[in-house]
Amino acid sequence: MDTVYIQELKADAVIGVRAWERRVRQTLVLDLELGADIPAAAATDAVADALDYDAVSRHVVAWVRDSDYHLVETLAEGLAAELQRQFAIPWLRLQVAKPGAVPGARAVGVRLERGRPPGA
């Protein structure tokens, strides 16, 4: 299994535990690594045989936009499950960063891995 990646995808969400966070949209930054069958797509040169990173990106942005969570951890878990279900992804690594959440830090967030890793 190979990996398709999407770096620094920005998506706005209602996210946070403080009262003011429940009234605004905040930009999250997502990095995704997705298990994919690269040789199959390469053999046909057809997007139908590939993990379409444009479709995945649009789906992620829409899903995050429509979400309403308090914790980044909950959002990440839900998104990982959604991606595996929607795109039949056997393995993924997902990082969700919340820039500016902690003074003095560029970002905070979570990184998780779900499914069987490539080569396992």
PDB file of N, CA and C in Angstrom:
ATOM      1  N   MET A   1       0.840  -1.178   0.000  1.00  0.00           N
ATOM      2  CA  MET A   1       0.000   0.000   0.000  1.00  0.00           C
ATOM      3  C   MET A   1       0.886   1.242   0.000  1.00  0.00           C
ATOM      4  N   ASP A   2       0.447   2.230  -0.743  1.00  0.00           N
ATOM      5  CA  ASP A   2       1.156   3.492  -0.837  1.00  0.00           C
ATOM      6  C   ASP A   2       0.345   4.572  -0.120  1.00  0.00           C
ATOM      7  N   THR A   3       0.816   5.800  -0.196  1.00  0.00           N
ATOM      8  CA  THR A   3       0.183   6.890   0.542  1.00  0.00           C
ATOM      9  C   THR A   3      -0.091   8.085  -0.361  1.00  0.00           C
ATOM     10  N   VAL A   4      -1.302   8.583  -0.290  1.00  0.00           N
ATOM     11  CA  VAL A   4      -1.673   9.870  -0.875  1.00  0.00           C
ATOM     12  C   VAL A   4      -1.706  10.853   0.282  1.00  0.00           C
ATOM     13  N   TYR A   5      -1.114  12.026   0.093  1.00  0.00           N
ATOM     14  CA  TYR A   5      -1.127  12.982   1.198  1.00  0.00           C
ATOM     15  C   TYR A   5      -1.720  14.320   0.777  1.00  0.00           C
ATOM     16  N   ILE A   6      -2.275  14.996   1.761  1.00  0.00           N
ATOM     17  CA  ILE A   6      -2.835  16.339   1.608  1.00  0.00           C
ATOM     18  C   ILE A   6      -2.268  17.136   2.777  1.00  0.00           C
ATOM     19  N   GLN A   7      -1.560  18.215   2.477  1.00  0.00           N
ATOM     20  CA  GLN A   7      -0.910  18.995   3.521  1.00  0.00           C
ATOM     21  C   GLN A   7      -1.561  20.364   3.694  1.00  0.00           C
ATOM     22  N   GLU A   8      -1.675  20.764   4.927  1.00  0.00           N
ATOM     23  CA  GLU A   8      -2.120  22.097   5.313  1.00  0.00           C
ATOM     24  C   GLU A   8      -3.453  22.499   4.675  1.00  0.00           C
ATOM     25  N   LEU A   9      -4.389  21.567   4.687  1.00  0.00           N
ATOM     26  CA  LEU A   9      -5.744  21.847   4.209  1.00  0.00           C
ATOM     27  C   LEU A   9      -6.456  22.663   5.279  1.00  0.00           C
ATOM     28  N   LYS A  10      -6.989  23.796   4.895  1.00  0.00           N
ATOM     29  CA  LYS A  10      -7.656  24.680   5.846  1.00  0.00           C
ATOM     30  C   LYS A  10      -9.164  24.483   5.770  1.00  0.00           C
ATOM     31  N   ALA A  11      -9.784  24.391   6.943  1.00  0.00           N
ATOM     32  CA  ALA A  11     -11.230  24.212   7.036  1.00  0.00           C
ATOM     33  C   ALA A  11     -11.733  24.948   8.271  1.00  0.00           C
ATOM     34  N   ASP A  12     -12.823  25.666   8.114  1.00  0.00           N
ATOM     35  CA  ASP A  12     -13.410  26.425   9.219  1.00  0.00           C
ATOM     36  C   ASP A  12     -14.431  25.574   9.964  1.00  0.00           C
ATOM     37  N   ALA A  13     -14.447  25.739  11.296  1.00  0.00           N
ATOM     38  CA  ALA A  13     -15.350  24.936  12.130  1.00  0.00           C
ATOM     39  C   ALA A  13     -15.748  25.708  13.375  1.00  0.00           C
ATOM     40  N   VAL A  14     -16.879  25.326  13.938  1.00  0.00           N
ATOM     41  CA  VAL A  14     -17.211  25.713  15.301  1.00  0.00           C
ATOM     42  C   VAL A  14     -16.538  24.661  16.171  1.00  0.00           C
ATOM     43  N   ILE A  15     -15.543  25.092  16.951  1.00  0.00           N
ATOM     44  CA  ILE A  15     -14.758  24.157  17.747  1.00  0.00           C
ATOM     45  C   ILE A  15     -14.261  24.869  18.999  1.00  0.00           C
ATOM     46  N   GLY A  16     -14.402  24.232  20.137  1.00  0.00           N
ATOM     47  CA  GLY A  16     -13.869  24.810  21.358  1.00  0.00           C
ATOM     48  C   GLY A  16     -14.813  24.664  22.526  1.00  0.00           C
ATOM     49  N   VAL A  17     -14.263  24.890  23.710  1.00  0.00           N
ATOM     50  CA  VAL A  17     -15.035  24.714  24.936  1.00  0.00           C
ATOM     51  C   VAL A  17     -15.473  26.034  25.566  1.00  0.00           C
ATOM     52  N   ARG A  18     -14.843  27.112  25.184  1.00  0.00           N
ATOM     53  CA  ARG A  18     -15.196  28.413  25.762  1.00  0.00           C
ATOM     54  C   ARG A  18     -16.428  28.994  25.069  1.00  0.00           C
ATOM     55  N   ALA A  19     -17.183  29.800  25.804  1.00  0.00           N
ATOM     56  CA  ALA A  19     -18.432  30.367  25.268  1.00  0.00           C
ATOM     57  C   ALA A  19     -18.184  31.141  23.981  1.00  0.00           C
ATOM     58  N   TRP A  20     -17.131  31.929  23.919  1.00  0.00           N
ATOM     59  CA  TRP A  20     -16.875  32.724  22.716  1.00  0.00           C
ATOM     60  C   TRP A  20     -16.554  31.825  21.518  1.00  0.00           C
ATOM     61  N   GLU A  21     -15.945  30.656  21.781  1.00  0.00           N
ATOM     62  CA  GLU A  21     -15.603  29.735  20.690  1.00  0.00           C
ATOM     63  C   GLU A  21     -16.855  29.114  20.068  1.00  0.00           C
ATOM     64  N   ARG A  22     -17.930  29.060  20.821  1.00  0.00           N
ATOM     65  CA  ARG A  22     -19.171  28.472  20.320  1.00  0.00           C
ATOM     66  C   ARG A  22     -19.912  29.440  19.397  1.00  0.00           C
ATOM     67  N   ARG A  23     -19.475  30.723  19.368  1.00  0.00           N
ATOM     68  CA  ARG A  23     -20.153  31.739  18.560  1.00  0.00           C
ATOM     69  C   ARG A  23     -19.388  32.126  17.297  1.00  0.00           C
ATOM     70  N   VAL A  24     -18.177  31.580  17.103  1.00  0.00           N
ATOM     71  CA  VAL A  24     -17.358  31.957  15.951  1.00  0.00           C
ATOM     72  C   VAL A  24     -16.871  30.711  15.220  1.00  0.00           C
ATOM     73  N   ARG A  25     -16.426  30.929  13.999  1.00  0.00           N
ATOM     74  CA  ARG A  25     -15.793  29.862  13.239  1.00  0.00           C
ATOM     75  C   ARG A  25     -14.287  30.063  13.333  1.00  0.00           C
ATOM     76  N   GLN A  26     -13.580  28.970  13.541  1.00  0.00           N
ATOM     77  CA  GLN A  26     -12.126  29.018  13.623  1.00  0.00           C
ATOM     78  C   GLN A  26     -11.540  28.153  12.512  1.00  0.00           C
ATOM     79  N   THR A  27     -10.392  28.579  12.012  1.00  0.00           N
ATOM     80  CA  THR A  27      -9.735  27.829  10.954  1.00  0.00           C
ATOM     81  C   THR A  27      -8.853  26.742  11.555  1.00  0.00           C
ATOM     82  N   LEU A  28      -9.091  25.513  11.137  1.00  0.00           N
ATOM     83  CA  LEU A  28      -8.261  24.379  11.499  1.00  0.00           C
ATOM     84  C   LEU A  28      -7.355  24.066  10.307  1.00  0.00           C
ATOM     85  N   VAL A  29      -6.197  23.508  10.582  1.00  0.00           N
ATOM     86  CA  VAL A  29      -5.262  23.105   9.532  1.00  0.00           C
ATOM     87  C   VAL A  29      -5.080  21.600   9.644  1.00  0.00           C
ATOM     88  N   LEU A  30      -5.349  20.902   8.546  1.00  0.00           N
ATOM     89  CA  LEU A  30      -5.323  19.437   8.550  1.00  0.00           C
ATOM     90  C   LEU A  30      -4.234  18.901   7.627  1.00  0.00           C
ATOM     91  N   ASP A  31      -3.540  17.896   8.103  1.00  0.00           N
ATOM     92  CA  ASP A  31      -2.597  17.122   7.298  1.00  0.00           C
ATOM     93  C   ASP A  31      -3.107  15.695   7.275  1.00  0.00           C
ATOM     94  N   LEU A  32      -3.211  15.140   6.082  1.00  0.00           N
ATOM     95  CA  LEU A  32      -3.736  13.784   5.926  1.00  0.00           C
ATOM     96  C   LEU A  32      -2.757  12.928   5.146  1.00  0.00           C
ATOM     97  N   GLU A  33      -2.589  11.693   5.601  1.00  0.00           N
ATOM     98  CA  GLU A  33      -1.894  10.644   4.856  1.00  0.00           C
ATOM     99  C   GLU A  33      -2.894   9.514   4.724  1.00  0.00           C
ATOM    100  N   LEU A  34      -3.132   9.077   3.493  1.00  0.00           N
ATOM    101  CA  LEU A  34      -4.203   8.125   3.214  1.00  0.00           C
ATOM    102  C   LEU A  34      -3.662   6.928   2.451  1.00  0.00           C
ATOM    103  N   GLY A  35      -3.920   5.739   2.960  1.00  0.00           N
ATOM    104  CA  GLY A  35      -3.488   4.533   2.272  1.00  0.00           C
ATOM    105  C   GLY A  35      -4.214   4.401   0.938  1.00  0.00           C
ATOM    106  N   ALA A  36      -3.442   4.109  -0.121  1.00  0.00           N
ATOM    107  CA  ALA A  36      -4.019   4.021  -1.469  1.00  0.00           C
ATOM    108  C   ALA A  36      -3.244   3.019  -2.313  1.00  0.00           C
ATOM    109  N   ASP A  37      -3.909   2.528  -3.361  1.00  0.00           N
ATOM    110  CA  ASP A  37      -3.299   1.597  -4.313  1.00  0.00           C
ATOM    111  C   ASP A  37      -2.778   2.402  -5.498  1.00  0.00           C
ATOM    112  N   ILE A  38      -1.576   2.945  -5.366  1.00  0.00           N
ATOM    113  CA  ILE A  38      -0.997   3.782  -6.414  1.00  0.00           C
ATOM    114  C   ILE A  38      -0.753   2.996  -7.714  1.00  0.00           C
ATOM    115  N   PRO A  39      -0.233   1.771  -7.676  1.00  0.00           N
ATOM    116  CA  PRO A  39       0.014   1.047  -8.925  1.00  0.00           C
ATOM    117  C   PRO A  39      -1.249   0.853  -9.779  1.00  0.00           C
ATOM    118  N   ALA A  40      -2.385   0.629  -9.146  1.00  0.00           N
ATOM    119  CA  ALA A  40      -3.623   0.447  -9.915  1.00  0.00           C
ATOM    120  C   ALA A  40      -3.969   1.713 -10.682  1.00  0.00           C
ATOM    121  N   ALA A  41      -3.871   2.846 -10.021  1.00  0.00           N
ATOM    122  CA  ALA A  41      -4.164   4.119 -10.688  1.00  0.00           C
ATOM    123  C   ALA A  41      -3.120   4.419 -11.754  1.00  0.00           C
ATOM    124  N   ALA A  42      -1.870   4.152 -11.453  1.00  0.00           N
ATOM    125  CA  ALA A  42      -0.800   4.434 -12.412  1.00  0.00           C
ATOM    126  C   ALA A  42      -0.934   3.580 -13.676  1.00  0.00           C
ATOM    127  N   ALA A  43      -1.415   2.360 -13.526  1.00  0.00           N
ATOM    128  CA  ALA A  43      -1.555   1.458 -14.677  1.00  0.00           C
ATOM    129  C   ALA A  43      -2.586   1.966 -15.674  1.00  0.00           C
ATOM    130  N   THR A  44      -3.632   2.613 -15.183  1.00  0.00           N
ATOM    131  CA  THR A  44      -4.700   3.074 -16.086  1.00  0.00           C
ATOM    132  C   THR A  44      -4.637   4.575 -16.370  1.00  0.00           C
ATOM    133  N   ASP A  45      -3.927   5.310 -15.523  1.00  0.00           N
ATOM    134  CA  ASP A  45      -3.854   6.768 -15.631  1.00  0.00           C
ATOM    135  C   ASP A  45      -5.245   7.393 -15.586  1.00  0.00           C
ATOM    136  N   ALA A  46      -6.132   6.771 -14.808  1.00  0.00           N
ATOM    137  CA  ALA A  46      -7.519   7.223 -14.711  1.00  0.00           C
ATOM    138  C   ALA A  46      -7.838   7.598 -13.269  1.00  0.00           C
ATOM    139  N   VAL A  47      -8.417   8.772 -13.091  1.00  0.00           N
ATOM    140  CA  VAL A  47      -8.772   9.221 -11.744  1.00  0.00           C
ATOM    141  C   VAL A  47      -9.779   8.278 -11.088  1.00  0.00           C
ATOM    142  N   ALA A  48     -10.562   7.583 -11.884  1.00  0.00           N
ATOM    143  CA  ALA A  48     -11.536   6.633 -11.337  1.00  0.00           C
ATOM    144  C   ALA A  48     -10.850   5.501 -10.579  1.00  0.00           C
ATOM    145  N   ASP A  49      -9.579   5.232 -10.905  1.00  0.00           N
ATOM    146  CA  ASP A  49      -8.833   4.173 -10.242  1.00  0.00           C
ATOM    147  C   ASP A  49      -7.924   4.701  -9.128  1.00  0.00           C
ATOM    148  N   ALA A  50      -7.986   5.999  -8.889  1.00  0.00           N
ATOM    149  CA  ALA A  50      -7.135   6.632  -7.885  1.00  0.00           C
ATOM    150  C   ALA A  50      -7.961   7.068  -6.683  1.00  0.00           C
ATOM    151  N   LEU A  51      -7.274   7.345  -5.593  1.00  0.00           N
ATOM    152  CA  LEU A  51      -7.907   8.023  -4.481  1.00  0.00           C
ATOM    153  C   LEU A  51      -7.886   9.501  -4.854  1.00  0.00           C
ATOM    154  N   ASP A  52      -9.024  10.026  -5.194  1.00  0.00           N
ATOM    155  CA  ASP A  52      -9.159  11.383  -5.733  1.00  0.00           C
ATOM    156  C   ASP A  52      -8.963  12.399  -4.611  1.00  0.00           C
ATOM    157  N   TYR A  53      -7.754  12.969  -4.529  1.00  0.00           N
ATOM    158  CA  TYR A  53      -7.459  13.888  -3.423  1.00  0.00           C
ATOM    159  C   TYR A  53      -8.266  15.171  -3.497  1.00  0.00           C
ATOM    160  N   ASP A  54      -8.730  15.553  -4.690  1.00  0.00           N
ATOM    161  CA  ASP A  54      -9.617  16.715  -4.785  1.00  0.00           C
ATOM    162  C   ASP A  54     -10.968  16.405  -4.146  1.00  0.00           C
ATOM    163  N   ALA A  55     -11.519  15.241  -4.445  1.00  0.00           N
ATOM    164  CA  ALA A  55     -12.799  14.844  -3.847  1.00  0.00           C
ATOM    165  C   ALA A  55     -12.658  14.687  -2.336  1.00  0.00           C
ATOM    166  N   VAL A  56     -11.551  14.100  -1.890  1.00  0.00           N
ATOM    167  CA  VAL A  56     -11.317  13.940  -0.455  1.00  0.00           C
ATOM    168  C   VAL A  56     -11.232  15.319   0.202  1.00  0.00           C
ATOM    169  N   SER A  57     -10.471  16.221  -0.385  1.00  0.00           N
ATOM    170  CA  SER A  57     -10.302  17.559   0.184  1.00  0.00           C
ATOM    171  C   SER A  57     -11.628  18.302   0.285  1.00  0.00           C
ATOM    172  N   ARG A  58     -12.418  18.267  -0.767  1.00  0.00           N
ATOM    173  CA  ARG A  58     -13.722  18.943  -0.734  1.00  0.00           C
ATOM    174  C   ARG A  58     -14.621  18.323   0.333  1.00  0.00           C
ATOM    175  N   HIS A  59     -14.580  17.006   0.448  1.00  0.00           N
ATOM    176  CA  HIS A  59     -15.399  16.318   1.445  1.00  0.00           C
ATOM    177  C   HIS A  59     -14.961  16.707   2.864  1.00  0.00           C
ATOM    178  N   VAL A  60     -13.665  16.745   3.091  1.00  0.00           N
ATOM    179  CA  VAL A  60     -13.142  17.108   4.415  1.00  0.00           C
ATOM    180  C   VAL A  60     -13.581  18.524   4.785  1.00  0.00           C
ATOM    181  N   VAL A  61     -13.397  19.478   3.879  1.00  0.00           N
ATOM    182  CA  VAL A  61     -13.751  20.870   4.168  1.00  0.00           C
ATOM    183  C   VAL A  61     -15.240  20.989   4.484  1.00  0.00           C
ATOM    184  N   ALA A  62     -16.087  20.334   3.710  1.00  0.00           N
ATOM    185  CA  ALA A  62     -17.535  20.393   3.946  1.00  0.00           C
ATOM    186  C   ALA A  62     -17.898  19.715   5.262  1.00  0.00           C
ATOM    187  N   TRP A  63     -17.302  18.562   5.539  1.00  0.00           N
ATOM    188  CA  TRP A  63     -17.613  17.825   6.770  1.00  0.00           C
ATOM    189  C   TRP A  63     -17.205  18.638   7.993  1.00  0.00           C
ATOM    190  N   VAL A  64     -16.008  19.207   7.956  1.00  0.00           N
ATOM    191  CA  VAL A  64     -15.532  20.020   9.077  1.00  0.00           C
ATOM    192  C   VAL A  64     -16.419  21.257   9.230  1.00  0.00           C
ATOM    193  N   ARG A  65     -16.761  21.900   8.132  1.00  0.00           N
ATOM    194  CA  ARG A  65     -17.634  23.082   8.170  1.00  0.00           C
ATOM    195  C   ARG A  65     -18.964  22.770   8.848  1.00  0.00           C
ATOM    196  N   ASP A  66     -19.520  21.602   8.592  1.00  0.00           N
ATOM    197  CA  ASP A  66     -20.823  21.229   9.137  1.00  0.00           C
ATOM    198  C   ASP A  66     -20.739  20.625  10.542  1.00  0.00           C
ATOM    199  N   SER A  67     -19.526  20.406  11.030  1.00  0.00           N
ATOM    200  CA  SER A  67     -19.359  19.805  12.357  1.00  0.00           C
ATOM    201  C   SER A  67     -19.570  20.850  13.450  1.00  0.00           C
ATOM    202  N   ASP A  68     -19.734  20.367  14.668  1.00  0.00           N
ATOM    203  CA  ASP A  68     -19.930  21.247  15.825  1.00  0.00           C
ATOM    204  C   ASP A  68     -19.470  20.487  17.063  1.00  0.00           C
ATOM    205  N   TYR A  69     -18.174  20.535  17.319  1.00  0.00           N
ATOM    206  CA  TYR A  69     -17.590  19.794  18.434  1.00  0.00           C
ATOM    207  C   TYR A  69     -16.945  20.739  19.430  1.00  0.00           C
ATOM    208  N   HIS A  70     -16.798  20.272  20.629  1.00  0.00           N
ATOM    209  CA  HIS A  70     -16.059  21.007  21.646  1.00  0.00           C
ATOM    210  C   HIS A  70     -14.566  20.697  21.555  1.00  0.00           C
ATOM    211  N   LEU A  71     -14.232  19.433  21.330  1.00  0.00           N
ATOM    212  CA  LEU A  71     -12.837  18.996  21.355  1.00  0.00           C
ATOM    213  C   LEU A  71     -12.308  18.666  19.965  1.00  0.00           C
ATOM    214  N   VAL A  72     -11.065  19.042  19.738  1.00  0.00           N
ATOM    215  CA  VAL A  72     -10.379  18.671  18.501  1.00  0.00           C
ATOM    216  C   VAL A  72     -10.283  17.147  18.418  1.00  0.00           C
ATOM    217  N   GLU A  73     -10.115  16.495  19.551  1.00  0.00           N
ATOM    218  CA  GLU A  73     -10.024  15.032  19.584  1.00  0.00           C
ATOM    219  C   GLU A  73     -11.285  14.386  19.004  1.00  0.00           C
ATOM    220  N   THR A  74     -12.447  14.920  19.367  1.00  0.00           N
ATOM    221  CA  THR A  74     -13.712  14.357  18.886  1.00  0.00           C
ATOM    222  C   THR A  74     -13.872  14.596  17.392  1.00  0.00           C
ATOM    223  N   LEU A  75     -13.516  15.793  16.948  1.00  0.00           N
ATOM    224  CA  LEU A  75     -13.577  16.097  15.522  1.00  0.00           C
ATOM    225  C   LEU A  75     -12.669  15.153  14.740  1.00  0.00           C
ATOM    226  N   ALA A  76     -11.445  14.945  15.212  1.00  0.00           N
ATOM    227  CA  ALA A  76     -10.494  14.074  14.517  1.00  0.00           C
ATOM    228  C   ALA A  76     -11.007  12.640  14.431  1.00  0.00           C
ATOM    229  N   GLU A  77     -11.538  12.125  15.524  1.00  0.00           N
ATOM    230  CA  GLU A  77     -12.092  10.760  15.515  1.00  0.00           C
ATOM    231  C   GLU A  77     -13.229  10.635  14.511  1.00  0.00           C
ATOM    232  N   GLY A  78     -14.138  11.600  14.538  1.00  0.00           N
ATOM    233  CA  GLY A  78     -15.272  11.560  13.619  1.00  0.00           C
ATOM    234  C   GLY A  78     -14.844  11.663  12.171  1.00  0.00           C
ATOM    235  N   LEU A  79     -13.893  12.544  11.891  1.00  0.00           N
ATOM    236  CA  LEU A  79     -13.421  12.710  10.520  1.00  0.00           C
ATOM    237  C   LEU A  79     -12.695  11.468  10.033  1.00  0.00           C
ATOM    238  N   ALA A  80     -11.881  10.868  10.870  1.00  0.00           N
ATOM    239  CA  ALA A  80     -11.182   9.639  10.465  1.00  0.00           C
ATOM    240  C   ALA A  80     -12.180   8.545  10.090  1.00  0.00           C
ATOM    241  N   ALA A  81     -13.185   8.360  10.927  1.00  0.00           N
ATOM    242  CA  ALA A  81     -14.206   7.340  10.637  1.00  0.00           C
ATOM    243  C   ALA A  81     -14.956   7.681   9.354  1.00  0.00           C
ATOM    244  N   GLU A  82     -15.287   8.941   9.161  1.00  0.00           N
ATOM    245  CA  GLU A  82     -15.997   9.369   7.949  1.00  0.00           C
ATOM    246  C   GLU A  82     -15.173   9.100   6.703  1.00  0.00           C
ATOM    247  N   LEU A  83     -13.898   9.421   6.729  1.00  0.00           N
ATOM    248  CA  LEU A  83     -13.046   9.206   5.560  1.00  0.00           C
ATOM    249  C   LEU A  83     -12.888   7.724   5.248  1.00  0.00           C
ATOM    250  N   GLN A  84     -12.708   6.907   6.281  1.00  0.00           N
ATOM    251  CA  GLN A  84     -12.575   5.476   6.034  1.00  0.00           C
ATOM    252  C   GLN A  84     -13.857   4.899   5.452  1.00  0.00           C
ATOM    253  N   ARG A  85     -14.986   5.370   5.939  1.00  0.00           N
ATOM    254  CA  ARG A  85     -16.281   4.875   5.444  1.00  0.00           C
ATOM    255  C   ARG A  85     -16.564   5.400   4.031  1.00  0.00           C
ATOM    256  N   GLN A  86     -16.410   6.673   3.823  1.00  0.00           N
ATOM    257  CA  GLN A  86     -16.797   7.307   2.558  1.00  0.00           C
ATOM    258  C   GLN A  86     -15.887   6.920   1.386  1.00  0.00           C
ATOM    259  N   PHE A  87     -14.588   6.765   1.663  1.00  0.00           N
ATOM    260  CA  PHE A  87     -13.634   6.535   0.581  1.00  0.00           C
ATOM    261  C   PHE A  87     -12.947   5.170   0.654  1.00  0.00           C
ATOM    262  N   ALA A  88     -13.416   4.290   1.533  1.00  0.00           N
ATOM    263  CA  ALA A  88     -12.848   2.940   1.680  1.00  0.00           C
ATOM    264  C   ALA A  88     -11.331   2.991   1.865  1.00  0.00           C
ATOM    265  N   ILE A  89     -10.886   3.871   2.743  1.00  0.00           N
ATOM    266  CA  ILE A  89      -9.464   4.032   3.016  1.00  0.00           C
ATOM    267  C   ILE A  89      -9.069   3.044   4.123  1.00  0.00           C
ATOM    268  N   PRO A  90      -8.145   2.119   3.826  1.00  0.00           N
ATOM    269  CA  PRO A  90      -7.806   1.098   4.816  1.00  0.00           C
ATOM    270  C   PRO A  90      -6.932   1.608   5.957  1.00  0.00           C
ATOM    271  N   TRP A  91      -6.190   2.701   5.714  1.00  0.00           N
ATOM    272  CA  TRP A  91      -5.299   3.260   6.722  1.00  0.00           C
ATOM    273  C   TRP A  91      -5.214   4.761   6.512  1.00  0.00           C
ATOM    274  N   LEU A  92      -5.132   5.494   7.620  1.00  0.00           N
ATOM    275  CA  LEU A  92      -4.912   6.934   7.509  1.00  0.00           C
ATOM    276  C   LEU A  92      -4.205   7.470   8.734  1.00  0.00           C
ATOM    277  N   ARG A  93      -3.486   8.543   8.508  1.00  0.00           N
ATOM    278  CA  ARG A  93      -2.903   9.333   9.587  1.00  0.00           C
ATOM    279  C   ARG A  93      -3.458  10.740   9.393  1.00  0.00           C
ATOM    280  N   LEU A  94      -3.985  11.307  10.454  1.00  0.00           N
ATOM    281  CA  LEU A  94      -4.651  12.599  10.391  1.00  0.00           C
ATOM    282  C   LEU A  94      -4.109  13.485  11.496  1.00  0.00           C
ATOM    283  N   GLN A  95      -3.725  14.692  11.124  1.00  0.00           N
ATOM    284  CA  GLN A  95      -3.332  15.693  12.111  1.00  0.00           C
ATOM    285  C   GLN A  95      -4.286  16.871  11.970  1.00  0.00           C
ATOM    286  N   VAL A  96      -4.855  17.290  13.099  1.00  0.00           N
ATOM    287  CA  VAL A  96      -5.738  18.455  13.128  1.00  0.00           C
ATOM    288  C   VAL A  96      -5.091  19.480  14.048  1.00  0.00           C
ATOM    289  N   ALA A  97      -4.744  20.630  13.499  1.00  0.00           N
ATOM    290  CA  ALA A  97      -4.103  21.695  14.264  1.00  0.00           C
ATOM    291  C   ALA A  97      -5.068  22.863  14.421  1.00  0.00           C
ATOM    292  N   LYS A  98      -5.015  23.456  15.601  1.00  0.00           N
ATOM    293  CA  LYS A  98      -5.832  24.622  15.922  1.00  0.00           C
ATOM    294  C   LYS A  98      -4.866  25.786  16.181  1.00  0.00           C
ATOM    295  N   PRO A  99      -4.567  26.560  15.128  1.00  0.00           N
ATOM    296  CA  PRO A  99      -3.611  27.658  15.276  1.00  0.00           C
ATOM    297  C   PRO A  99      -4.105  28.719  16.262  1.00  0.00           C
ATOM    298  N   GLY A 100      -3.162  29.265  17.021  1.00  0.00           N
ATOM    299  CA  GLY A 100      -3.473  30.367  17.908  1.00  0.00           C
ATOM    300  C   GLY A 100      -4.266  30.008  19.153  1.00  0.00           C
ATOM    301  N   ALA A 101      -4.462  28.734  19.421  1.00  0.00           N
ATOM    302  CA  ALA A 101      -5.281  28.332  20.569  1.00  0.00           C
ATOM    303  C   ALA A 101      -4.573  28.554  21.894  1.00  0.00           C
ATOM    304  N   VAL A 102      -3.254  28.489  21.881  1.00  0.00           N
ATOM    305  CA  VAL A 102      -2.466  28.664  23.101  1.00  0.00           C
ATOM    306  C   VAL A 102      -1.456  29.788  22.858  1.00  0.00           C
ATOM    307  N   PRO A 103      -1.478  30.813  23.706  1.00  0.00           N
ATOM    308  CA  PRO A 103      -0.507  31.903  23.544  1.00  0.00           C
ATOM    309  C   PRO A 103       0.924  31.365  23.553  1.00  0.00           C
ATOM    310  N   GLY A 104       1.719  31.834  22.612  1.00  0.00           N
ATOM    311  CA  GLY A 104       3.106  31.410  22.525  1.00  0.00           C
ATOM    312  C   GLY A 104       3.339  30.185  21.662  1.00  0.00           C
ATOM    313  N   ALA A 105       2.278  29.517  21.253  1.00  0.00           N
ATOM    314  CA  ALA A 105       2.404  28.332  20.392  1.00  0.00           C
ATOM    315  C   ALA A 105       1.794  28.645  19.027  1.00  0.00           C
ATOM    316  N   ARG A 106       2.455  28.209  17.976  1.00  0.00           N
ATOM    317  CA  ARG A 106       1.893  28.409  16.638  1.00  0.00           C
ATOM    318  C   ARG A 106       0.572  27.666  16.499  1.00  0.00           C
ATOM    319  N   ALA A 107       0.517  26.451  17.044  1.00  0.00           N
ATOM    320  CA  ALA A 107      -0.712  25.648  16.953  1.00  0.00           C
ATOM    321  C   ALA A 107      -0.655  24.541  17.992  1.00  0.00           C
ATOM    322  N   VAL A 108      -1.820  24.029  18.320  1.00  0.00           N
ATOM    323  CA  VAL A 108      -1.956  22.820  19.131  1.00  0.00           C
ATOM    324  C   VAL A 108      -2.916  21.904  18.386  1.00  0.00           C
ATOM    325  N   GLY A 109      -2.948  20.650  18.751  1.00  0.00           N
ATOM    326  CA  GLY A 109      -3.875  19.753  18.076  1.00  0.00           C
ATOM    327  C   GLY A 109      -3.612  18.309  18.411  1.00  0.00           C
ATOM    328  N   VAL A 110      -4.098  17.451  17.528  1.00  0.00           N
ATOM    329  CA  VAL A 110      -3.955  16.011  17.723  1.00  0.00           C
ATOM    330  C   VAL A 110      -3.503  15.359  16.421  1.00  0.00           C
ATOM    331  N   ARG A 111      -2.857  14.219  16.591  1.00  0.00           N
ATOM    332  CA  ARG A 111      -2.466  13.393  15.446  1.00  0.00           C
ATOM    333  C   ARG A 111      -2.908  11.977  15.778  1.00  0.00           C
ATOM    334  N   LEU A 112      -3.628  11.351  14.859  1.00  0.00           N
ATOM    335  CA  LEU A 112      -4.070   9.981  15.092  1.00  0.00           C
ATOM    336  C   LEU A 112      -3.853   9.143  13.852  1.00  0.00           C
ATOM    337  N   GLU A 113      -3.845   7.857  14.067  1.00  0.00           N
ATOM    338  CA  GLU A 113      -3.656   6.887  12.994  1.00  0.00           C
ATOM    339  C   GLU A 113      -4.717   5.810  13.172  1.00  0.00           C
ATOM    340  N   ARG A 114      -5.375   5.443  12.079  1.00  0.00           N
ATOM    341  CA  ARG A 114      -6.427   4.434  12.129  1.00  0.00           C
ATOM    342  C   ARG A 114      -6.239   3.453  10.985  1.00  0.00           C
ATOM    343  N   GLY A 115      -6.558   2.181  11.235  1.00  0.00           N
ATOM    344  CA  GLY A 115      -6.454   1.137  10.214  1.00  0.00           C
ATOM    345  C   GLY A 115      -5.090   0.487  10.217  1.00  0.00           C
ATOM    346  N   ARG A 116      -4.860  -0.313   9.192  1.00  0.00           N
ATOM    347  CA  ARG A 116      -3.593  -1.029   9.046  1.00  0.00           C
ATOM    348  C   ARG A 116      -2.601  -0.167   8.297  1.00  0.00           C
ATOM    349  N   PRO A 117      -1.425   0.101   8.883  1.00  0.00           N
ATOM    350  CA  PRO A 117      -0.433   0.943   8.205  1.00  0.00           C
ATOM    351  C   PRO A 117       0.139   0.265   6.965  1.00  0.00           C
ATOM    352  N   PRO A 118       0.643   1.065   6.028  1.00  0.00           N
ATOM    353  CA  PRO A 118       1.269   0.485   4.831  1.00  0.00           C
ATOM    354  C   PRO A 118       2.373  -0.493   5.204  1.00  0.00           C
ATOM    355  N   GLY A 119       2.395  -1.627   4.533  1.00  0.00           N
ATOM    356  CA  GLY A 119       3.423  -2.621   4.768  1.00  0.00           C
ATOM    357  C   GLY A 119       3.164  -3.544   5.944  1.00  0.00           C
ATOM    358  N   ALA A 120       2.066  -3.339   6.645  1.00  0.00           N
ATOM    359  CA  ALA A 120       1.792  -4.186   7.822  1.00  0.00           C
ATOM    360  C   ALA A 120       1.059  -5.448   7.426  1.00  0.00           C
TER     361      ALA A 120
END
